[in-house]
C-alpha atoms as a PDB file:
ATOM      1  CA  MET A   1      17.872 -67.292  85.150  1.00  0.00           C
ATOM      2  CA  ALA A   2      17.534 -70.995  86.277  1.00  0.00           C
ATOM      3  CA  TRP A   3      20.145 -70.256  88.881  1.00  0.00           C
ATOM      4  CA  PHE A   4      17.947 -67.490  90.540  1.00  0.00           C
ATOM      5  CA  THR A   5      15.054 -69.646  91.302  1.00  0.00           C
ATOM      6  CA  ARG A   6      17.632 -70.974  93.931  1.00  0.00           C
ATOM      7  CA  ILE A   7      17.467 -67.860  96.234  1.00  0.00           C
ATOM      8  CA  SER A   8      16.187 -68.981  99.583  1.00  0.00           C
ATOM      9  CA  ASP A   9      15.984 -66.853 103.076  1.00  0.00           C
ATOM     10  CA  ASP A  10      19.345 -68.037 103.853  1.00  0.00           C
ATOM     11  CA  SER A  11      21.235 -67.053 100.398  1.00  0.00           C
ATOM     12  CA  THR A  12      23.845 -64.550 100.267  1.00  0.00           C
ATOM     13  CA  TYR A  13      24.575 -62.074  98.280  1.00  0.00           C
ATOM     14  CA  LEU A  14      27.528 -63.474  97.017  1.00  0.00           C
ATOM     15  CA  SER A  15      25.868 -67.151  96.525  1.00  0.00           C
ATOM     16  CA  GLY A  16      22.285 -65.942  96.084  1.00  0.00           C
ATOM     17  CA  VAL A  17      22.875 -62.925  93.559  1.00  0.00           C
ATOM     18  CA  LEU A  18      26.697 -61.758  92.405  1.00  0.00           C
ATOM     19  CA  ASP A  19      27.180 -65.025  91.029  1.00  0.00           C
ATOM     20  CA  PRO A  20      24.175 -65.331  88.747  1.00  0.00           C
ATOM     21  CA  MET A  21      24.132 -61.695  87.728  1.00  0.00           C
ATOM     22  CA  LEU A  22      28.156 -61.875  86.496  1.00  0.00           C
ATOM     23  CA  LEU A  23      26.788 -64.850  84.615  1.00  0.00           C
ATOM     24  CA  LEU A  24      23.741 -63.113  82.855  1.00  0.00           C
ATOM     25  CA  GLY A  25      25.921 -59.994  82.211  1.00  0.00           C
ATOM     26  CA  ILE A  26      28.003 -61.837  80.387  1.00  0.00           C
ATOM     27  CA  GLY A  27      25.787 -64.293  78.794  1.00  0.00           C
ATOM     28  CA  LEU A  28      23.587 -61.177  77.552  1.00  0.00           C
ATOM     29  CA  GLY A  29      27.025 -59.495  76.163  1.00  0.00           C
ATOM     30  CA  LEU A  30      27.455 -62.676  74.071  1.00  0.00           C
ATOM     31  CA  LEU A  31      24.020 -63.059  73.148  1.00  0.00           C
ATOM     32  CA  PHE A  32      22.801 -59.107  71.792  1.00  0.00           C
ATOM     33  CA  VAL A  33      25.276 -58.978  68.872  1.00  0.00           C
ATOM     34  CA  PRO A  34      24.655 -62.147  67.025  1.00  0.00           C
ATOM     35  CA  ALA A  35      20.851 -61.881  67.719  1.00  0.00           C
ATOM     36  CA  THR A  36      20.857 -58.177  66.400  1.00  0.00           C
ATOM     37  CA  ALA A  37      23.389 -59.486  63.209  1.00  0.00           C
ATOM     38  CA  THR A  38      20.860 -62.453  62.757  1.00  0.00           C
ATOM     39  CA  ALA A  39      17.606 -60.181  62.810  1.00  0.00           C
ATOM     40  CA  MET A  40      19.796 -57.979  60.359  1.00  0.00           C
ATOM     41  CA  SER A  41      20.869 -60.761  58.395  1.00  0.00           C
ATOM     42  CA  ALA A  42      17.852 -61.470  55.747  1.00  0.00           C
ATOM     43  CA  VAL A  43      17.253 -57.633  55.255  1.00  0.00           C
ATOM     44  CA  ALA A  44      17.378 -55.940  51.887  1.00  0.00           C
ATOM     45  CA  PRO A  45      20.124 -53.026  51.933  1.00  0.00           C
ATOM     46  CA  GLU A  46      17.818 -50.112  51.501  1.00  0.00           C
ATOM     47  CA  ASP A  47      15.987 -51.532  54.544  1.00  0.00           C
ATOM     48  CA  ASN A  48      18.411 -51.482  56.769  1.00  0.00           C
ATOM     49  CA  GLY A  49      18.138 -48.357  59.012  1.00  0.00           C
ATOM     50  CA  ALA A  50      14.179 -49.033  59.038  1.00  0.00           C
ATOM     51  CA  ALA A  51      14.682 -52.812  60.396  1.00  0.00           C
ATOM     52  CA  SER A  52      17.450 -51.560  62.721  1.00  0.00           C
ATOM     53  CA  GLY A  53      15.276 -49.040  64.444  1.00  0.00           C
ATOM     54  CA  LEU A  54      12.416 -51.661  64.630  1.00  0.00           C
ATOM     55  CA  VAL A  55      14.993 -54.437  66.324  1.00  0.00           C
ATOM     56  CA  ASN A  56      15.614 -51.790  68.963  1.00  0.00           C
ATOM     57  CA  VAL A  57      12.035 -51.007  69.611  1.00  0.00           C
ATOM     58  CA  MET A  58      11.473 -54.252  69.985  1.00  0.00           C
ATOM     59  CA  GLN A  59      13.944 -55.135  72.347  1.00  0.00           C
ATOM     60  CA  GLN A  60      12.982 -52.266  74.706  1.00  0.00           C
ATOM     61  CA  ILE A  61       9.426 -52.998  74.278  1.00  0.00           C
ATOM     62  CA  GLY A  62      10.286 -56.831  75.504  1.00  0.00           C
ATOM     63  CA  GLY A  63      12.299 -55.521  78.178  1.00  0.00           C
ATOM     64  CA  SER A  64       9.401 -53.058  79.520  1.00  0.00           C
ATOM     65  CA  LEU A  65       6.789 -56.161  78.666  1.00  0.00           C
ATOM     66  CA  GLY A  66       8.944 -58.622  80.475  1.00  0.00           C
ATOM     67  CA  LEU A  67       9.557 -56.463  83.872  1.00  0.00           C
ATOM     68  CA  ALA A  68       5.934 -55.963  83.833  1.00  0.00           C
ATOM     69  CA  ILE A  69       4.875 -59.213  83.692  1.00  0.00           C
ATOM     70  CA  LEU A  70       7.749 -60.432  86.393  1.00  0.00           C
ATOM     71  CA  VAL A  71       6.635 -57.665  88.933  1.00  0.00           C
ATOM     72  CA  THR A  72       2.969 -58.757  88.546  1.00  0.00           C
ATOM     73  CA  VAL A  73       4.355 -62.664  89.761  1.00  0.00           C
ATOM     74  CA  PHE A  74       6.309 -61.109  92.237  1.00  0.00           C
ATOM     75  CA  GLY A  75       3.626 -58.886  93.553  1.00  0.00           C
ATOM     76  CA  THR A  76       1.304 -61.924  93.607  1.00  0.00           C
ATOM     77  CA  ALA A  77       3.797 -64.476  95.292  1.00  0.00           C
ATOM     78  CA  THR A  78       4.467 -62.115  97.769  1.00  0.00           C
ATOM     79  CA  ARG A  79       0.753 -62.024  98.668  1.00  0.00           C
ATOM     80  CA  ASN A  80       0.457 -65.831  98.377  1.00  0.00           C
ATOM     81  CA  SER A  81       3.866 -66.518 100.788  1.00  0.00           C
ATOM     82  CA  ALA A  82       2.613 -64.011 103.062  1.00  0.00           C
ATOM     83  CA  GLU A  83      -0.171 -66.157 103.763  1.00  0.00           C
ATOM     84  CA  HIS A  84       1.845 -69.216 104.190  1.00  0.00           C
ATOM     85  CA  VAL A  85       4.498 -67.865 106.617  1.00  0.00           C
ATOM     86  CA  PRO A  86       5.669 -71.065 108.593  1.00  0.00           C
ATOM     87  CA  ALA A  87       4.702 -70.823 112.091  1.00  0.00           C
ATOM     88  CA  GLY A  88       6.460 -69.355 114.857  1.00  0.00           C
ATOM     89  CA  SER A  89       8.790 -67.029 112.703  1.00  0.00           C
ATOM     90  CA  THR A  90       9.946 -64.373 113.887  1.00  0.00           C
ATOM     91  CA  THR A  91       8.963 -60.871 111.941  1.00  0.00           C
ATOM     92  CA  GLU A  92      12.512 -60.505 110.360  1.00  0.00           C
ATOM     93  CA  GLU A  93      12.361 -64.556 109.388  1.00  0.00           C
ATOM     94  CA  ALA A  94       8.921 -63.832 107.786  1.00  0.00           C
ATOM     95  CA  LYS A  95       9.971 -61.042 105.709  1.00  0.00           C
ATOM     96  CA  LYS A  96      13.171 -62.845 104.511  1.00  0.00           C
ATOM     97  CA  PHE A  97      10.804 -65.835 103.839  1.00  0.00           C
ATOM     98  CA  VAL A  98       8.351 -63.641 101.943  1.00  0.00           C
ATOM     99  CA  LEU A  99      10.825 -62.204 100.049  1.00  0.00           C
ATOM    100  CA  SER A 100      12.595 -65.020  98.741  1.00  0.00           C
ATOM    101  CA  ASP A 101       9.876 -67.227  98.101  1.00  0.00           C
ATOM    102  CA  ALA A 102       8.541 -64.104  95.519  1.00  0.00           C
ATOM    103  CA  ILE A 103      11.659 -63.458  94.283  1.00  0.00           C
ATOM    104  CA  SER A 104      12.023 -67.408  93.419  1.00  0.00           C
ATOM    105  CA  THR A 105       8.724 -67.734  91.896  1.00  0.00           C
ATOM    106  CA  ALA A 106       9.179 -65.037  89.632  1.00  0.00           C
ATOM    107  CA  PHE A 107      12.372 -66.028  88.498  1.00  0.00           C
ATOM    108  CA  THR A 108      10.778 -69.472  87.969  1.00  0.00           C
ATOM    109  CA  ALA A 109       7.970 -67.883  85.562  1.00  0.00           C
ATOM    110  CA  ASP A 110      11.050 -66.329  83.816  1.00  0.00           C
ATOM    111  CA  VAL A 111      12.497 -69.707  83.298  1.00  0.00           C
ATOM    112  CA  VAL A 112       9.390 -71.231  82.084  1.00  0.00           C
ATOM    113  CA  PHE A 113       9.029 -68.042  79.334  1.00  0.00           C
ATOM    114  CA  SER A 114      12.081 -67.983  78.251  1.00  0.00           C
ATOM    115  CA  ALA A 115      12.095 -71.723  77.703  1.00  0.00           C
ATOM    116  CA  ALA A 116       8.967 -70.964  75.793  1.00  0.00           C
ATOM    117  CA  VAL A 117      10.730 -68.617  73.423  1.00  0.00           C
ATOM    118  CA  LEU A 118      13.463 -70.800  72.753  1.00  0.00           C
ATOM    119  CA  LEU A 119      11.238 -73.381  71.960  1.00  0.00           C
ATOM    120  CA  ALA A 120       9.147 -71.069  69.680  1.00  0.00           C
ATOM    121  CA  ALA A 121      12.558 -69.788  67.944  1.00  0.00           C
ATOM    122  CA  LEU A 122      13.839 -73.588  67.305  1.00  0.00           C
ATOM    123  CA  PHE A 123      10.180 -74.238  65.677  1.00  0.00           C
ATOM    124  CA  ALA A 124      10.924 -70.890  63.632  1.00  0.00           C
ATOM    125  CA  ILE A 125      14.331 -71.666  62.423  1.00  0.00           C
ATOM    126  CA  SER A 126      13.480 -75.608  61.560  1.00  0.00           C
ATOM    127  CA  ASN A 127      10.259 -74.465  59.483  1.00  0.00           C
ATOM    128  CA  LYS A 128      12.587 -71.962  58.053  1.00  0.00           C
ATOM    129  CA  LYS A 129      15.162 -74.599  56.975  1.00  0.00           C
ATOM    130  CA  GLN A 130      12.122 -76.936  55.847  1.00  0.00           C
ATOM    131  CA  GLN A 131      11.265 -74.201  53.386  1.00  0.00           C
ATOM    132  CA  ALA A 132      14.234 -73.436  51.944  1.00  0.00           C
ATOM    133  CA  VAL A 133      14.542 -77.425  51.033  1.00  0.00           C
ATOM    134  CA  HIS A 134      11.417 -77.313  49.810  1.00  0.00           C
ATOM    135  CA  ASP A 135      11.696 -74.216  47.566  1.00  0.00           C
ATOM    136  CA  GLU A 136      15.220 -75.768  46.132  1.00  0.00           C
ATOM    137  CA  ALA A 137      13.500 -79.421  45.422  1.00  0.00           C
ATOM    138  CA  ALA A 138      10.605 -77.285  43.539  1.00  0.00           C
ATOM    139  CA  GLY A 139      13.323 -75.466  41.578  1.00  0.00           C
ATOM    140  CA  ALA A 140      12.472 -71.743  43.392  1.00  0.00           C
ATOM    141  CA  PRO A 141      15.617 -69.386  43.793  1.00  0.00           C
ATOM    142  CA  ALA A 142      17.113 -69.507  46.995  1.00  0.00           C
END
């Protein structure tokens, strides 16, 4: 996603869009199976169906909500960029500037949000490990 923030008004489809999309597709393909397996690993066998449904629903809601937020950021950035078009730009140059600036801004917001989610996940994992160590030291079953 950080690669998308580098989109500028002189980016080409190959260097500005296709390459990061290929990397994103490969990364997401490698991420979803282990993430789902991890989410399901601590679920009791009798709750597998409900938990699996919940994981899939949350993925769909997360995608929809994330897209809605990014479209809102993109729209706001488009209006702001339109007010700051470089002087002397042709109409075509102005359109390219506004579009590329809004795309870059939306992906920057996505990178910040993704980093925050990663930090929250790492914090949750760390707390879970600390709790397991504490429970083990107290003699509680793991």
